[in-house]
Amino acid sequence: MGEEDFVAQENSPIDTLDKLSKEMHYVMDQWLRSFAGRVDEGDLKRREWNILRAFSELKITEEWVKDNQSLAAMLMYLVNDRELLEKIAHVFDRWPRALKALNALKIIKRS
């Protein structure tokens, strides 16, 4: 794969739930690495925006939500984009098991 192909793939929209999960994992991992100061925050912001757009464009299934609750809870603690945080909370607030993570987040945010 040439450099142009790699860049095109990196900039392509998230068009499947599998890609959405992978991108969420990547962003979470990069935010964790940022604590050590080794991350391109501009790229991370772009990826957060792509995740936000994918949440709006993809049909999110109940099964996908159940499979990705832990990932969403971790990502909610790490993302810097308020709109993305609210979108994740909205998507995962529809199912009862996600409420514990959301309630914990609200308590931490108030502290």
PDB file of N, CA and C in Angstrom:
ATOM      1  N   MET A   1       0.855  -1.164   0.000  1.00  0.00           N
ATOM      2  CA  MET A   1       0.000   0.000   0.000  1.00  0.00           C
ATOM      3  C   MET A   1       0.903   1.230   0.000  1.00  0.00           C
ATOM      4  N   GLY A   2       0.685   2.123  -0.962  1.00  0.00           N
ATOM      5  CA  GLY A   2       1.477   3.336  -1.041  1.00  0.00           C
ATOM      6  C   GLY A   2       1.041   4.356  -0.003  1.00  0.00           C
ATOM      7  N   GLU A   3       1.832   5.412   0.128  1.00  0.00           N
ATOM      8  CA  GLU A   3       1.531   6.449   1.118  1.00  0.00           C
ATOM      9  C   GLU A   3       0.191   7.116   0.828  1.00  0.00           C
ATOM     10  N   GLU A   4      -0.107   7.372  -0.456  1.00  0.00           N
ATOM     11  CA  GLU A   4      -1.382   8.005  -0.814  1.00  0.00           C
ATOM     12  C   GLU A   4      -2.561   7.112  -0.441  1.00  0.00           C
ATOM     13  N   ASP A   5      -2.431   5.794  -0.672  1.00  0.00           N
ATOM     14  CA  ASP A   5      -3.494   4.855  -0.306  1.00  0.00           C
ATOM     15  C   ASP A   5      -3.703   4.842   1.199  1.00  0.00           C
ATOM     16  N   PHE A   6      -2.599   4.873   1.948  1.00  0.00           N
ATOM     17  CA  PHE A   6      -2.687   4.869   3.407  1.00  0.00           C
ATOM     18  C   PHE A   6      -3.398   6.127   3.898  1.00  0.00           C
ATOM     19  N   VAL A   7      -3.031   7.283   3.359  1.00  0.00           N
ATOM     20  CA  VAL A   7      -3.658   8.546   3.757  1.00  0.00           C
ATOM     21  C   VAL A   7      -5.136   8.532   3.403  1.00  0.00           C
ATOM     22  N   ALA A   8      -5.481   8.045   2.222  1.00  0.00           N
ATOM     23  CA  ALA A   8      -6.888   7.970   1.818  1.00  0.00           C
ATOM     24  C   ALA A   8      -7.670   7.066   2.754  1.00  0.00           C
ATOM     25  N   GLN A   9      -7.084   5.938   3.130  1.00  0.00           N
ATOM     26  CA  GLN A   9      -7.757   5.016   4.043  1.00  0.00           C
ATOM     27  C   GLN A   9      -7.937   5.661   5.412  1.00  0.00           C
ATOM     28  N   GLU A  10      -6.919   6.358   5.894  1.00  0.00           N
ATOM     29  CA  GLU A  10      -6.986   7.016   7.199  1.00  0.00           C
ATOM     30  C   GLU A  10      -8.034   8.122   7.217  1.00  0.00           C
ATOM     31  N   ASN A  11      -8.254   8.779   6.073  1.00  0.00           N
ATOM     32  CA  ASN A  11      -9.197   9.889   6.003  1.00  0.00           C
ATOM     33  C   ASN A  11     -10.581   9.467   5.533  1.00  0.00           C
ATOM     34  N   SER A  12     -10.777   8.183   5.264  1.00  0.00           N
ATOM     35  CA  SER A  12     -12.078   7.726   4.785  1.00  0.00           C
ATOM     36  C   SER A  12     -13.087   7.717   5.927  1.00  0.00           C
ATOM     37  N   PRO A  13     -14.355   7.932   5.588  1.00  0.00           N
ATOM     38  CA  PRO A  13     -15.376   7.945   6.645  1.00  0.00           C
ATOM     39  C   PRO A  13     -15.543   6.569   7.283  1.00  0.00           C
ATOM     40  N   ILE A  14     -16.034   6.578   8.488  1.00  0.00           N
ATOM     41  CA  ILE A  14     -16.326   5.339   9.204  1.00  0.00           C
ATOM     42  C   ILE A  14     -17.693   4.881   8.710  1.00  0.00           C
ATOM     43  N   ASP A  15     -17.715   3.777   7.962  1.00  0.00           N
ATOM     44  CA  ASP A  15     -18.964   3.377   7.325  1.00  0.00           C
ATOM     45  C   ASP A  15     -19.520   2.040   7.814  1.00  0.00           C
ATOM     46  N   THR A  16     -18.906   1.458   8.838  1.00  0.00           N
ATOM     47  CA  THR A  16     -19.444   0.229   9.434  1.00  0.00           C
ATOM     48  C   THR A  16     -19.285   0.305  10.950  1.00  0.00           C
ATOM     49  N   LEU A  17     -20.091  -0.471  11.650  1.00  0.00           N
ATOM     50  CA  LEU A  17     -19.984  -0.505  13.108  1.00  0.00           C
ATOM     51  C   LEU A  17     -18.650  -1.089  13.549  1.00  0.00           C
ATOM     52  N   ASP A  18     -18.128  -2.033  12.784  1.00  0.00           N
ATOM     53  CA  ASP A  18     -16.820  -2.608  13.104  1.00  0.00           C
ATOM     54  C   ASP A  18     -15.730  -1.537  13.035  1.00  0.00           C
ATOM     55  N   LYS A  19     -15.765  -0.721  11.990  1.00  0.00           N
ATOM     56  CA  LYS A  19     -14.790   0.368  11.872  1.00  0.00           C
ATOM     57  C   LYS A  19     -14.974   1.378  12.998  1.00  0.00           C
ATOM     58  N   LEU A  20     -16.224   1.625  13.385  1.00  0.00           N
ATOM     59  CA  LEU A  20     -16.491   2.554  14.482  1.00  0.00           C
ATOM     60  C   LEU A  20     -15.855   2.043  15.771  1.00  0.00           C
ATOM     61  N   SER A  21     -16.030   0.766  16.068  1.00  0.00           N
ATOM     62  CA  SER A  21     -15.417   0.175  17.265  1.00  0.00           C
ATOM     63  C   SER A  21     -13.899   0.287  17.219  1.00  0.00           C
ATOM     64  N   LYS A  22     -13.316  -0.029  16.071  1.00  0.00           N
ATOM     65  CA  LYS A  22     -11.856   0.045  15.935  1.00  0.00           C
ATOM     66  C   LYS A  22     -11.359   1.474  16.122  1.00  0.00           C
ATOM     67  N   GLU A  23     -12.080   2.432  15.570  1.00  0.00           N
ATOM     68  CA  GLU A  23     -11.665   3.828  15.706  1.00  0.00           C
ATOM     69  C   GLU A  23     -11.804   4.294  17.152  1.00  0.00           C
ATOM     70  N   MET A  24     -12.859   3.857  17.828  1.00  0.00           N
ATOM     71  CA  MET A  24     -13.028   4.198  19.240  1.00  0.00           C
ATOM     72  C   MET A  24     -11.875   3.619  20.062  1.00  0.00           C
ATOM     73  N   HIS A  25     -11.493   2.372  19.774  1.00  0.00           N
ATOM     74  CA  HIS A  25     -10.347   1.750  20.460  1.00  0.00           C
ATOM     75  C   HIS A  25      -9.075   2.554  20.210  1.00  0.00           C
ATOM     76  N   TYR A  26      -8.865   2.929  18.959  1.00  0.00           N
ATOM     77  CA  TYR A  26      -7.657   3.678  18.608  1.00  0.00           C
ATOM     78  C   TYR A  26      -7.602   5.013  19.348  1.00  0.00           C
ATOM     79  N   VAL A  27      -8.712   5.750  19.338  1.00  0.00           N
ATOM     80  CA  VAL A  27      -8.748   7.058  19.994  1.00  0.00           C
ATOM     81  C   VAL A  27      -8.521   6.907  21.496  1.00  0.00           C
ATOM     82  N   MET A  28      -9.158   5.906  22.100  1.00  0.00           N
ATOM     83  CA  MET A  28      -8.957   5.674  23.531  1.00  0.00           C
ATOM     84  C   MET A  28      -7.475   5.390  23.813  1.00  0.00           C
ATOM     85  N   ASP A  29      -6.878   4.527  23.014  1.00  0.00           N
ATOM     86  CA  ASP A  29      -5.467   4.192  23.185  1.00  0.00           C
ATOM     87  C   ASP A  29      -4.583   5.428  23.031  1.00  0.00           C
ATOM     88  N   GLN A  30      -4.877   6.255  22.045  1.00  0.00           N
ATOM     89  CA  GLN A  30      -4.066   7.448  21.818  1.00  0.00           C
ATOM     90  C   GLN A  30      -4.211   8.460  22.947  1.00  0.00           C
ATOM     91  N   TRP A  31      -5.425   8.598  23.508  1.00  0.00           N
ATOM     92  CA  TRP A  31      -5.585   9.507  24.640  1.00  0.00           C
ATOM     93  C   TRP A  31      -4.811   8.992  25.848  1.00  0.00           C
ATOM     94  N   LEU A  32      -4.795   7.687  26.046  1.00  0.00           N
ATOM     95  CA  LEU A  32      -4.003   7.129  27.142  1.00  0.00           C
ATOM     96  C   LEU A  32      -2.513   7.394  26.922  1.00  0.00           C
ATOM     97  N   ARG A  33      -2.059   7.272  25.688  1.00  0.00           N
ATOM     98  CA  ARG A  33      -0.659   7.560  25.364  1.00  0.00           C
ATOM     99  C   ARG A  33      -0.339   9.043  25.541  1.00  0.00           C
ATOM    100  N   SER A  34      -1.352   9.882  25.387  1.00  0.00           N
ATOM    101  CA  SER A  34      -1.109  11.326  25.475  1.00  0.00           C
ATOM    102  C   SER A  34      -0.631  11.731  26.862  1.00  0.00           C
ATOM    103  N   PHE A  35      -0.961  10.930  27.858  1.00  0.00           N
ATOM    104  CA  PHE A  35      -0.492  11.241  29.202  1.00  0.00           C
ATOM    105  C   PHE A  35       1.028  11.153  29.287  1.00  0.00           C
ATOM    106  N   ALA A  36       1.626  10.401  28.385  1.00  0.00           N
ATOM    107  CA  ALA A  36       3.084  10.312  28.314  1.00  0.00           C
ATOM    108  C   ALA A  36       3.639  11.327  27.309  1.00  0.00           C
ATOM    109  N   GLY A  37       2.754  12.109  26.691  1.00  0.00           N
ATOM    110  CA  GLY A  37       3.172  13.164  25.779  1.00  0.00           C
ATOM    111  C   GLY A  37       3.558  12.715  24.388  1.00  0.00           C
ATOM    112  N   ARG A  38       3.058  11.556  23.958  1.00  0.00           N
ATOM    113  CA  ARG A  38       3.449  11.033  22.646  1.00  0.00           C
ATOM    114  C   ARG A  38       2.251  10.876  21.727  1.00  0.00           C
ATOM    115  N   VAL A  39       1.578  11.974  21.397  1.00  0.00           N
ATOM    116  CA  VAL A  39       0.405  11.839  20.547  1.00  0.00           C
ATOM    117  C   VAL A  39       0.215  13.113  19.724  1.00  0.00           C
ATOM    118  N   ASP A  40      -0.317  12.935  18.521  1.00  0.00           N
ATOM    119  CA  ASP A  40      -0.648  14.051  17.639  1.00  0.00           C
ATOM    120  C   ASP A  40      -2.091  14.451  17.937  1.00  0.00           C
ATOM    121  N   GLU A  41      -2.267  15.509  18.722  1.00  0.00           N
ATOM    122  CA  GLU A  41      -3.611  15.899  19.144  1.00  0.00           C
ATOM    123  C   GLU A  41      -4.478  16.360  17.979  1.00  0.00           C
ATOM    124  N   GLY A  42      -3.875  16.924  16.938  1.00  0.00           N
ATOM    125  CA  GLY A  42      -4.644  17.326  15.757  1.00  0.00           C
ATOM    126  C   GLY A  42      -5.290  16.117  15.097  1.00  0.00           C
ATOM    127  N   ASP A  43      -4.513  15.043  14.950  1.00  0.00           N
ATOM    128  CA  ASP A  43      -5.043  13.807  14.377  1.00  0.00           C
ATOM    129  C   ASP A  43      -6.124  13.224  15.273  1.00  0.00           C
ATOM    130  N   LEU A  44      -5.906  13.297  16.569  1.00  0.00           N
ATOM    131  CA  LEU A  44      -6.879  12.767  17.523  1.00  0.00           C
ATOM    132  C   LEU A  44      -8.198  13.526  17.442  1.00  0.00           C
ATOM    133  N   LYS A  45      -8.140  14.832  17.309  1.00  0.00           N
ATOM    134  CA  LYS A  45      -9.356  15.652  17.173  1.00  0.00           C
ATOM    135  C   LYS A  45     -10.111  15.272  15.899  1.00  0.00           C
ATOM    136  N   ARG A  46      -9.372  15.065  14.796  1.00  0.00           N
ATOM    137  CA  ARG A  46     -10.008  14.673  13.538  1.00  0.00           C
ATOM    138  C   ARG A  46     -10.703  13.319  13.693  1.00  0.00           C
ATOM    139  N   ARG A  47     -10.050  12.407  14.377  1.00  0.00           N
ATOM    140  CA  ARG A  47     -10.635  11.083  14.585  1.00  0.00           C
ATOM    141  C   ARG A  47     -11.866  11.156  15.486  1.00  0.00           C
ATOM    142  N   GLU A  48     -11.831  12.012  16.497  1.00  0.00           N
ATOM    143  CA  GLU A  48     -13.014  12.209  17.342  1.00  0.00           C
ATOM    144  C   GLU A  48     -14.176  12.722  16.499  1.00  0.00           C
ATOM    145  N   TRP A  49     -13.882  13.651  15.600  1.00  0.00           N
ATOM    146  CA  TRP A  49     -14.927  14.191  14.734  1.00  0.00           C
ATOM    147  C   TRP A  49     -15.488  13.089  13.833  1.00  0.00           C
ATOM    148  N   ASN A  50     -14.616  12.213  13.308  1.00  0.00           N
ATOM    149  CA  ASN A  50     -15.078  11.096  12.475  1.00  0.00           C
ATOM    150  C   ASN A  50     -15.968  10.146  13.270  1.00  0.00           C
ATOM    151  N   ILE A  51     -15.632   9.897  14.520  1.00  0.00           N
ATOM    152  CA  ILE A  51     -16.465   9.042  15.375  1.00  0.00           C
ATOM    153  C   ILE A  51     -17.822   9.699  15.590  1.00  0.00           C
ATOM    154  N   LEU A  52     -17.824  10.990  15.877  1.00  0.00           N
ATOM    155  CA  LEU A  52     -19.078  11.718  16.073  1.00  0.00           C
ATOM    156  C   LEU A  52     -19.947  11.624  14.827  1.00  0.00           C
ATOM    157  N   ARG A  53     -19.345  11.844  13.665  1.00  0.00           N
ATOM    158  CA  ARG A  53     -20.093  11.761  12.406  1.00  0.00           C
ATOM    159  C   ARG A  53     -20.643  10.347  12.197  1.00  0.00           C
ATOM    160  N   ALA A  54     -19.847   9.327  12.515  1.00  0.00           N
ATOM    161  CA  ALA A  54     -20.300   7.942  12.339  1.00  0.00           C
ATOM    162  C   ALA A  54     -21.485   7.632  13.248  1.00  0.00           C
ATOM    163  N   PHE A  55     -21.474   8.156  14.477  1.00  0.00           N
ATOM    164  CA  PHE A  55     -22.614   7.943  15.367  1.00  0.00           C
ATOM    165  C   PHE A  55     -23.891   8.508  14.756  1.00  0.00           C
ATOM    166  N   SER A  56     -23.779   9.584  14.002  1.00  0.00           N
ATOM    167  CA  SER A  56     -24.947  10.201  13.384  1.00  0.00           C
ATOM    168  C   SER A  56     -25.369   9.491  12.106  1.00  0.00           C
ATOM    169  N   GLU A  57     -24.414   8.909  11.391  1.00  0.00           N
ATOM    170  CA  GLU A  57     -24.710   8.337  10.081  1.00  0.00           C
ATOM    171  C   GLU A  57     -25.020   6.842  10.099  1.00  0.00           C
ATOM    172  N   LEU A  58     -24.479   6.103  11.051  1.00  0.00           N
ATOM    173  CA  LEU A  58     -24.680   4.652  11.080  1.00  0.00           C
ATOM    174  C   LEU A  58     -25.912   4.276  11.887  1.00  0.00           C
ATOM    175  N   LYS A  59     -26.501   3.148  11.537  1.00  0.00           N
ATOM    176  CA  LYS A  59     -27.603   2.611  12.338  1.00  0.00           C
ATOM    177  C   LYS A  59     -26.975   1.802  13.469  1.00  0.00           C
ATOM    178  N   ILE A  60     -27.031   2.355  14.664  1.00  0.00           N
ATOM    179  CA  ILE A  60     -26.432   1.707  15.829  1.00  0.00           C
ATOM    180  C   ILE A  60     -27.401   0.644  16.341  1.00  0.00           C
ATOM    181  N   THR A  61     -26.926  -0.586  16.451  1.00  0.00           N
ATOM    182  CA  THR A  61     -27.780  -1.681  16.903  1.00  0.00           C
ATOM    183  C   THR A  61     -27.625  -1.903  18.404  1.00  0.00           C
ATOM    184  N   GLU A  62     -28.642  -2.504  18.992  1.00  0.00           N
ATOM    185  CA  GLU A  62     -28.593  -2.822  20.421  1.00  0.00           C
ATOM    186  C   GLU A  62     -27.442  -3.779  20.713  1.00  0.00           C
ATOM    187  N   GLU A  63     -27.218  -4.738  19.825  1.00  0.00           N
ATOM    188  CA  GLU A  63     -26.125  -5.698  20.007  1.00  0.00           C
ATOM    189  C   GLU A  63     -24.771  -4.982  20.011  1.00  0.00           C
ATOM    190  N   TRP A  64     -24.585  -4.031  19.093  1.00  0.00           N
ATOM    191  CA  TRP A  64     -23.330  -3.291  19.040  1.00  0.00           C
ATOM    192  C   TRP A  64     -23.128  -2.504  20.334  1.00  0.00           C
ATOM    193  N   VAL A  65     -24.193  -1.883  20.819  1.00  0.00           N
ATOM    194  CA  VAL A  65     -24.105  -1.114  22.063  1.00  0.00           C
ATOM    195  C   VAL A  65     -23.696  -2.027  23.212  1.00  0.00           C
ATOM    196  N   LYS A  66     -24.315  -3.198  23.310  1.00  0.00           N
ATOM    197  CA  LYS A  66     -23.969  -4.137  24.384  1.00  0.00           C
ATOM    198  C   LYS A  66     -22.507  -4.564  24.288  1.00  0.00           C
ATOM    199  N   ASP A  67     -22.031  -4.793  23.069  1.00  0.00           N
ATOM    200  CA  ASP A  67     -20.652  -5.246  22.868  1.00  0.00           C
ATOM    201  C   ASP A  67     -19.618  -4.152  23.133  1.00  0.00           C
ATOM    202  N   ASN A  68     -20.037  -2.901  23.111  1.00  0.00           N
ATOM    203  CA  ASN A  68     -19.087  -1.793  23.202  1.00  0.00           C
ATOM    204  C   ASN A  68     -19.300  -0.886  24.406  1.00  0.00           C
ATOM    205  N   GLN A  69     -20.038  -1.354  25.406  1.00  0.00           N
ATOM    206  CA  GLN A  69     -20.309  -0.523  26.579  1.00  0.00           C
ATOM    207  C   GLN A  69     -19.048  -0.141  27.340  1.00  0.00           C
ATOM    208  N   SER A  70     -18.171  -1.087  27.570  1.00  0.00           N
ATOM    209  CA  SER A  70     -16.946  -0.790  28.321  1.00  0.00           C
ATOM    210  C   SER A  70     -16.073   0.194  27.558  1.00  0.00           C
ATOM    211  N   LEU A  71     -15.963  -0.014  26.268  1.00  0.00           N
ATOM    212  CA  LEU A  71     -15.186   0.889  25.427  1.00  0.00           C
ATOM    213  C   LEU A  71     -15.760   2.303  25.486  1.00  0.00           C
ATOM    214  N   ALA A  72     -17.071   2.412  25.378  1.00  0.00           N
ATOM    215  CA  ALA A  72     -17.713   3.731  25.419  1.00  0.00           C
ATOM    216  C   ALA A  72     -17.489   4.410  26.766  1.00  0.00           C
ATOM    217  N   ALA A  73     -17.589   3.642  27.842  1.00  0.00           N
ATOM    218  CA  ALA A  73     -17.388   4.218  29.174  1.00  0.00           C
ATOM    219  C   ALA A  73     -15.967   4.757  29.319  1.00  0.00           C
ATOM    220  N   MET A  74     -14.976   4.003  28.851  1.00  0.00           N
ATOM    221  CA  MET A  74     -13.584   4.469  28.915  1.00  0.00           C
ATOM    222  C   MET A  74     -13.377   5.698  28.039  1.00  0.00           C
ATOM    223  N   LEU A  75     -13.934   5.654  26.842  1.00  0.00           N
ATOM    224  CA  LEU A  75     -13.765   6.763  25.912  1.00  0.00           C
ATOM    225  C   LEU A  75     -14.389   8.044  26.459  1.00  0.00           C
ATOM    226  N   MET A  76     -15.498   7.905  27.169  1.00  0.00           N
ATOM    227  CA  MET A  76     -16.171   9.072  27.733  1.00  0.00           C
ATOM    228  C   MET A  76     -15.279   9.793  28.738  1.00  0.00           C
ATOM    229  N   TYR A  77     -14.437   9.072  29.419  1.00  0.00           N
ATOM    230  CA  TYR A  77     -13.536   9.693  30.387  1.00  0.00           C
ATOM    231  C   TYR A  77     -12.368  10.400  29.713  1.00  0.00           C
ATOM    232  N   LEU A  78     -12.054  10.021  28.476  1.00  0.00           N
ATOM    233  CA  LEU A  78     -10.835  10.497  27.832  1.00  0.00           C
ATOM    234  C   LEU A  78     -11.033  11.575  26.775  1.00  0.00           C
ATOM    235  N   VAL A  79     -12.177  11.569  26.082  1.00  0.00           N
ATOM    236  CA  VAL A  79     -12.337  12.512  24.970  1.00  0.00           C
ATOM    237  C   VAL A  79     -12.408  13.953  25.464  1.00  0.00           C
ATOM    238  N   ASN A  80     -11.956  14.853  24.621  1.00  0.00           N
ATOM    239  CA  ASN A  80     -11.988  16.277  24.938  1.00  0.00           C
ATOM    240  C   ASN A  80     -13.162  16.995  24.288  1.00  0.00           C
ATOM    241  N   ASP A  81     -13.802  16.363  23.332  1.00  0.00           N
ATOM    242  CA  ASP A  81     -14.871  17.003  22.581  1.00  0.00           C
ATOM    243  C   ASP A  81     -16.205  16.823  23.300  1.00  0.00           C
ATOM    244  N   ARG A  82     -16.772  17.913  23.761  1.00  0.00           N
ATOM    245  CA  ARG A  82     -18.028  17.865  24.529  1.00  0.00           C
ATOM    246  C   ARG A  82     -19.168  17.270  23.703  1.00  0.00           C
ATOM    247  N   GLU A  83     -19.233  17.633  22.426  1.00  0.00           N
ATOM    248  CA  GLU A  83     -20.300  17.126  21.564  1.00  0.00           C
ATOM    249  C   GLU A  83     -20.202  15.607  21.414  1.00  0.00           C
ATOM    250  N   LEU A  84     -18.988  15.088  21.262  1.00  0.00           N
ATOM    251  CA  LEU A  84     -18.800  13.638  21.172  1.00  0.00           C
ATOM    252  C   LEU A  84     -19.171  12.972  22.487  1.00  0.00           C
ATOM    253  N   LEU A  85     -18.771  13.560  23.588  1.00  0.00           N
ATOM    254  CA  LEU A  85     -19.120  13.031  24.904  1.00  0.00           C
ATOM    255  C   LEU A  85     -20.637  12.921  25.049  1.00  0.00           C
ATOM    256  N   GLU A  86     -21.350  13.959  24.673  1.00  0.00           N
ATOM    257  CA  GLU A  86     -22.813  13.947  24.772  1.00  0.00           C
ATOM    258  C   GLU A  86     -23.431  12.922  23.829  1.00  0.00           C
ATOM    259  N   LYS A  87     -22.855  12.753  22.631  1.00  0.00           N
ATOM    260  CA  LYS A  87     -23.382  11.783  21.668  1.00  0.00           C
ATOM    261  C   LYS A  87     -23.194  10.358  22.188  1.00  0.00           C
ATOM    262  N   ILE A  88     -22.017  10.067  22.742  1.00  0.00           N
ATOM    263  CA  ILE A  88     -21.781   8.737  23.312  1.00  0.00           C
ATOM    264  C   ILE A  88     -22.764   8.496  24.450  1.00  0.00           C
ATOM    265  N   ALA A  89     -22.936   9.486  25.312  1.00  0.00           N
ATOM    266  CA  ALA A  89     -23.874   9.352  26.432  1.00  0.00           C
ATOM    267  C   ALA A  89     -25.284   9.108  25.916  1.00  0.00           C
ATOM    268  N   HIS A  90     -25.665   9.821  24.874  1.00  0.00           N
ATOM    269  CA  HIS A  90     -27.012   9.659  24.311  1.00  0.00           C
ATOM    270  C   HIS A  90     -27.210   8.251  23.747  1.00  0.00           C
ATOM    271  N   VAL A  91     -26.248   7.779  22.971  1.00  0.00           N
ATOM    272  CA  VAL A  91     -26.366   6.449  22.356  1.00  0.00           C
ATOM    273  C   VAL A  91     -26.408   5.364  23.420  1.00  0.00           C
ATOM    274  N   PHE A  92     -25.547   5.446  24.408  1.00  0.00           N
ATOM    275  CA  PHE A  92     -25.444   4.383  25.399  1.00  0.00           C
ATOM    276  C   PHE A  92     -26.431   4.548  26.546  1.00  0.00           C
ATOM    277  N   ASP A  93     -27.093   5.683  26.640  1.00  0.00           N
ATOM    278  CA  ASP A  93     -28.094   5.895  27.680  1.00  0.00           C
ATOM    279  C   ASP A  93     -29.394   5.156  27.370  1.00  0.00           C
ATOM    280  N   ARG A  94     -29.548   4.675  26.155  1.00  0.00           N
ATOM    281  CA  ARG A  94     -30.773   3.972  25.762  1.00  0.00           C
ATOM    282  C   ARG A  94     -30.880   2.580  26.372  1.00  0.00           C
ATOM    283  N   TRP A  95     -29.765   2.040  26.819  1.00  0.00           N
ATOM    284  CA  TRP A  95     -29.753   0.687  27.358  1.00  0.00           C
ATOM    285  C   TRP A  95     -29.330   0.726  28.815  1.00  0.00           C
ATOM    286  N   PRO A  96     -30.054   0.024  29.704  1.00  0.00           N
ATOM    287  CA  PRO A  96     -29.856   0.121  31.155  1.00  0.00           C
ATOM    288  C   PRO A  96     -28.440  -0.141  31.648  1.00  0.00           C
ATOM    289  N   ARG A  97     -27.709  -1.090  31.058  1.00  0.00           N
ATOM    290  CA  ARG A  97     -26.377  -1.404  31.580  1.00  0.00           C
ATOM    291  C   ARG A  97     -25.406  -0.236  31.432  1.00  0.00           C
ATOM    292  N   ALA A  98     -25.672   0.628  30.491  1.00  0.00           N
ATOM    293  CA  ALA A  98     -24.780   1.775  30.292  1.00  0.00           C
ATOM    294  C   ALA A  98     -25.004   2.861  31.333  1.00  0.00           C
ATOM    295  N   LEU A  99     -26.121   2.806  32.037  1.00  0.00           N
ATOM    296  CA  LEU A  99     -26.443   3.862  32.997  1.00  0.00           C
ATOM    297  C   LEU A  99     -25.424   3.965  34.123  1.00  0.00           C
ATOM    298  N   LYS A 100     -24.875   2.848  34.566  1.00  0.00           N
ATOM    299  CA  LYS A 100     -23.882   2.887  35.648  1.00  0.00           C
ATOM    300  C   LYS A 100     -22.673   3.722  35.242  1.00  0.00           C
ATOM    301  N   ALA A 101     -22.195   3.513  34.040  1.00  0.00           N
ATOM    302  CA  ALA A 101     -21.041   4.282  33.562  1.00  0.00           C
ATOM    303  C   ALA A 101     -21.389   5.760  33.439  1.00  0.00           C
ATOM    304  N   LEU A 102     -22.583   6.040  32.950  1.00  0.00           N
ATOM    305  CA  LEU A 102     -22.990   7.439  32.791  1.00  0.00           C
ATOM    306  C   LEU A 102     -23.153   8.123  34.138  1.00  0.00           C
ATOM    307  N   ASN A 103     -23.724   7.426  35.095  1.00  0.00           N
ATOM    308  CA  ASN A 103     -23.886   8.003  36.431  1.00  0.00           C
ATOM    309  C   ASN A 103     -22.529   8.246  37.088  1.00  0.00           C
ATOM    310  N   ALA A 104     -21.607   7.325  36.911  1.00  0.00           N
ATOM    311  CA  ALA A 104     -20.255   7.513  37.457  1.00  0.00           C
ATOM    312  C   ALA A 104     -19.592   8.727  36.819  1.00  0.00           C
ATOM    313  N   LEU A 105     -19.793   8.895  35.520  1.00  0.00           N
ATOM    314  CA  LEU A 105     -19.221  10.042  34.829  1.00  0.00           C
ATOM    315  C   LEU A 105     -19.782  11.350  35.383  1.00  0.00           C
ATOM    316  N   LYS A 106     -21.072  11.395  35.619  1.00  0.00           N
ATOM    317  CA  LYS A 106     -21.699  12.607  36.154  1.00  0.00           C
ATOM    318  C   LYS A 106     -21.127  12.954  37.525  1.00  0.00           C
ATOM    319  N   ILE A 107     -20.895  11.944  38.350  1.00  0.00           N
ATOM    320  CA  ILE A 107     -20.328  12.175  39.683  1.00  0.00           C
ATOM    321  C   ILE A 107     -18.908  12.721  39.560  1.00  0.00           C
ATOM    322  N   ILE A 108     -18.116  12.131  38.679  1.00  0.00           N
ATOM    323  CA  ILE A 108     -16.735  12.582  38.496  1.00  0.00           C
ATOM    324  C   ILE A 108     -16.704  14.001  37.933  1.00  0.00           C
ATOM    325  N   LYS A 109     -17.570  14.294  36.977  1.00  0.00           N
ATOM    326  CA  LYS A 109     -17.591  15.627  36.361  1.00  0.00           C
ATOM    327  C   LYS A 109     -17.943  16.695  37.393  1.00  0.00           C
ATOM    328  N   ARG A 110     -18.797  16.362  38.369  1.00  0.00           N
ATOM    329  CA  ARG A 110     -19.192  17.329  39.399  1.00  0.00           C
ATOM    330  C   ARG A 110     -18.073  17.578  40.399  1.00  0.00           C
ATOM    331  N   SER A 111     -17.182  16.609  40.562  1.00  0.00           N
ATOM    332  CA  SER A 111     -16.099  16.724  41.566  1.00  0.00           C
ATOM    333  C   SER A 111     -15.062  17.736  41.158  1.00  0.00           C
TER     334      SER A 111
END
